[in-house]
C-alpha atoms as a PDB file:
ATOM      1  CA  UNK A   1      18.533   1.018  -3.811  1.00  0.00           C
ATOM      2  CA  UNK A   2      15.981  -1.509  -5.301  1.00  0.00           C
ATOM      3  CA  UNK A   3      12.936   0.084  -6.847  1.00  0.00           C
ATOM      4  CA  UNK A   4       9.405  -0.600  -5.730  1.00  0.00           C
ATOM      5  CA  UNK A   5       7.371  -2.079  -8.466  1.00  0.00           C
ATOM      6  CA  UNK A   6       3.590  -2.085  -8.619  1.00  0.00           C
ATOM      7  CA  UNK A   7       2.676  -3.334 -12.056  1.00  0.00           C
ATOM      8  CA  UNK A   8      -0.791  -3.114 -13.478  1.00  0.00           C
ATOM      9  CA  UNK A   9      -2.106  -6.595 -14.274  1.00  0.00           C
ATOM     10  CA  UNK A  10      -2.822  -7.378 -17.854  1.00  0.00           C
ATOM     11  CA  UNK A  11      -6.578  -7.249 -18.617  1.00  0.00           C
ATOM     12  CA  UNK A  12      -7.911  -9.139 -21.654  1.00  0.00           C
ATOM     13  CA  UNK A  13     -11.252  -7.789 -22.982  1.00  0.00           C
ATOM     14  CA  UNK A  14     -13.222  -4.835 -21.760  1.00  0.00           C
ATOM     15  CA  UNK A  15     -13.442  -5.871 -18.112  1.00  0.00           C
ATOM     16  CA  UNK A  16     -12.871  -2.574 -16.235  1.00  0.00           C
ATOM     17  CA  UNK A  17     -12.570  -4.423 -12.968  1.00  0.00           C
ATOM     18  CA  UNK A  18      -9.612  -6.307 -14.107  1.00  0.00           C
ATOM     19  CA  UNK A  19      -7.849  -3.180 -15.405  1.00  0.00           C
ATOM     20  CA  UNK A  20      -7.973  -1.771 -11.847  1.00  0.00           C
ATOM     21  CA  UNK A  21      -6.193  -4.653 -10.332  1.00  0.00           C
ATOM     22  CA  UNK A  22      -2.552  -4.502  -9.161  1.00  0.00           C
ATOM     23  CA  UNK A  23       0.145  -7.213  -8.819  1.00  0.00           C
ATOM     24  CA  UNK A  24       2.733  -6.599  -6.234  1.00  0.00           C
ATOM     25  CA  UNK A  25       6.440  -7.419  -6.581  1.00  0.00           C
ATOM     26  CA  UNK A  26       8.406  -5.472  -4.039  1.00  0.00           C
ATOM     27  CA  UNK A  27      11.970  -6.423  -2.950  1.00  0.00           C
ATOM     28  CA  UNK A  28      13.324  -4.433   0.070  1.00  0.00           C
ATOM     29  CA  UNK A  29      11.340  -1.313  -0.938  1.00  0.00           C
ATOM     30  CA  UNK A  30      11.059   1.679   1.172  1.00  0.00           C
ATOM     31  CA  UNK A  31       7.855   1.551   3.147  1.00  0.00           C
ATOM     32  CA  UNK A  32       7.126   5.223   2.559  1.00  0.00           C
ATOM     33  CA  UNK A  33       7.264   4.706  -1.202  1.00  0.00           C
ATOM     34  CA  UNK A  34       5.024   1.647  -0.902  1.00  0.00           C
ATOM     35  CA  UNK A  35       2.447   3.720   1.001  1.00  0.00           C
ATOM     36  CA  UNK A  36       2.619   6.536  -1.627  1.00  0.00           C
ATOM     37  CA  UNK A  37       2.142   3.959  -4.383  1.00  0.00           C
ATOM     38  CA  UNK A  38      -0.891   2.507  -2.519  1.00  0.00           C
ATOM     39  CA  UNK A  39      -2.267   6.029  -2.258  1.00  0.00           C
ATOM     40  CA  UNK A  40      -2.063   6.456  -6.049  1.00  0.00           C
ATOM     41  CA  UNK A  41      -3.570   3.058  -6.789  1.00  0.00           C
ATOM     42  CA  UNK A  42      -6.440   3.299  -4.363  1.00  0.00           C
ATOM     43  CA  UNK A  43      -7.250   7.076  -4.323  1.00  0.00           C
ATOM     44  CA  UNK A  44      -6.740   7.173  -0.576  1.00  0.00           C
ATOM     45  CA  UNK A  45      -4.734   9.962   1.130  1.00  0.00           C
ATOM     46  CA  UNK A  46      -2.064   9.067   3.676  1.00  0.00           C
ATOM     47  CA  UNK A  47      -0.375  11.458   6.034  1.00  0.00           C
ATOM     48  CA  UNK A  48       2.879   9.773   6.925  1.00  0.00           C
ATOM     49  CA  UNK A  49       4.416  10.490  10.394  1.00  0.00           C
ATOM     50  CA  UNK A  50       8.173  11.453  10.027  1.00  0.00           C
ATOM     51  CA  UNK A  51       9.014   8.380  12.296  1.00  0.00           C
ATOM     52  CA  UNK A  52       7.668   5.963   9.789  1.00  0.00           C
ATOM     53  CA  UNK A  53      10.572   4.136   8.172  1.00  0.00           C
ATOM     54  CA  UNK A  54      11.672   0.792   7.155  1.00  0.00           C
ATOM     55  CA  UNK A  55      11.821  -1.721   4.206  1.00  0.00           C
ATOM     56  CA  UNK A  56       9.357  -4.306   2.973  1.00  0.00           C
ATOM     57  CA  UNK A  57       9.248  -7.299   0.599  1.00  0.00           C
ATOM     58  CA  UNK A  58       5.852  -8.257  -0.635  1.00  0.00           C
ATOM     59  CA  UNK A  59       4.828 -10.340  -3.732  1.00  0.00           C
ATOM     60  CA  UNK A  60       1.308 -11.300  -4.823  1.00  0.00           C
ATOM     61  CA  UNK A  61       0.604 -14.341  -6.969  1.00  0.00           C
ATOM     62  CA  UNK A  62      -2.665 -13.022  -8.215  1.00  0.00           C
ATOM     63  CA  UNK A  63      -3.750  -9.506  -9.144  1.00  0.00           C
ATOM     64  CA  UNK A  64      -5.287  -7.529  -6.118  1.00  0.00           C
ATOM     65  CA  UNK A  65      -8.292  -5.266  -6.369  1.00  0.00           C
ATOM     66  CA  UNK A  66      -7.957  -1.746  -4.762  1.00  0.00           C
ATOM     67  CA  UNK A  67      -9.684  -3.072  -1.623  1.00  0.00           C
ATOM     68  CA  UNK A  68      -7.324  -6.093  -1.343  1.00  0.00           C
ATOM     69  CA  UNK A  69      -4.314  -3.880  -2.072  1.00  0.00           C
ATOM     70  CA  UNK A  70      -5.414  -1.605   0.860  1.00  0.00           C
ATOM     71  CA  UNK A  71      -5.795  -4.527   3.194  1.00  0.00           C
ATOM     72  CA  UNK A  72      -2.322  -5.757   2.164  1.00  0.00           C
ATOM     73  CA  UNK A  73      -0.911  -2.370   3.041  1.00  0.00           C
ATOM     74  CA  UNK A  74      -2.768  -2.361   6.353  1.00  0.00           C
ATOM     75  CA  UNK A  75      -1.312  -5.847   7.166  1.00  0.00           C
ATOM     76  CA  UNK A  76       2.134  -4.764   6.127  1.00  0.00           C
ATOM     77  CA  UNK A  77       1.911  -1.671   8.377  1.00  0.00           C
ATOM     78  CA  UNK A  78       0.836  -3.896  11.301  1.00  0.00           C
ATOM     79  CA  UNK A  79       3.626  -6.275  10.732  1.00  0.00           C
ATOM     80  CA  UNK A  80       6.096  -3.298  10.922  1.00  0.00           C
ATOM     81  CA  UNK A  81       4.595  -1.797  14.119  1.00  0.00           C
ATOM     82  CA  UNK A  82       2.718   0.822  12.307  1.00  0.00           C
ATOM     83  CA  UNK A  83      -1.070   1.728  12.176  1.00  0.00           C
ATOM     84  CA  UNK A  84      -3.284   3.743   9.737  1.00  0.00           C
ATOM     85  CA  UNK A  85      -5.734   5.775  11.708  1.00  0.00           C
ATOM     86  CA  UNK A  86      -8.697   7.309   9.875  1.00  0.00           C
ATOM     87  CA  UNK A  87      -8.501  11.128   9.790  1.00  0.00           C
ATOM     88  CA  UNK A  88     -11.339  11.936   7.564  1.00  0.00           C
ATOM     89  CA  UNK A  89     -13.107  10.700   4.575  1.00  0.00           C
ATOM     90  CA  UNK A  90     -10.508   8.640   2.568  1.00  0.00           C
ATOM     91  CA  UNK A  91      -7.676  10.075   4.694  1.00  0.00           C
ATOM     92  CA  UNK A  92      -5.430   8.150   7.030  1.00  0.00           C
ATOM     93  CA  UNK A  93      -2.626   9.033   9.367  1.00  0.00           C
ATOM     94  CA  UNK A  94       0.182   6.500   9.220  1.00  0.00           C
ATOM     95  CA  UNK A  95       2.189   6.391  12.578  1.00  0.00           C
ATOM     96  CA  UNK A  96       4.137   4.067  14.749  1.00  0.00           C
ATOM     97  CA  UNK A  97       1.786   1.899  16.876  1.00  0.00           C
ATOM     98  CA  UNK A  98       3.366   3.213  20.126  1.00  0.00           C
ATOM     99  CA  UNK A  99       2.633   6.764  19.017  1.00  0.00           C
ATOM    100  CA  UNK A 100      -1.152   6.205  18.891  1.00  0.00           C
ATOM    101  CA  UNK A 101      -2.952   8.432  21.444  1.00  0.00           C
END
């Protein structure tokens, strides 16, 4: 099993904003692990439906901010027939699109 990699971008100087950026390099990674890593990087909480499964490959050329990383995750979910539904402040429920009620 290939391992999901989210590496912190190198920040030169004291720019705190740069230190919070992430570069993605995922090759056939478990989507559940990707969601968990995004949760750690963004400070969001994700409740993952047991039906959520699959593998993803995502690579970013440039470092992504927390907001950009979150948007990439949302796009990745949509591309895989999944959605993140707000369930409270900073909390999302990740479920298959067909399971949305």
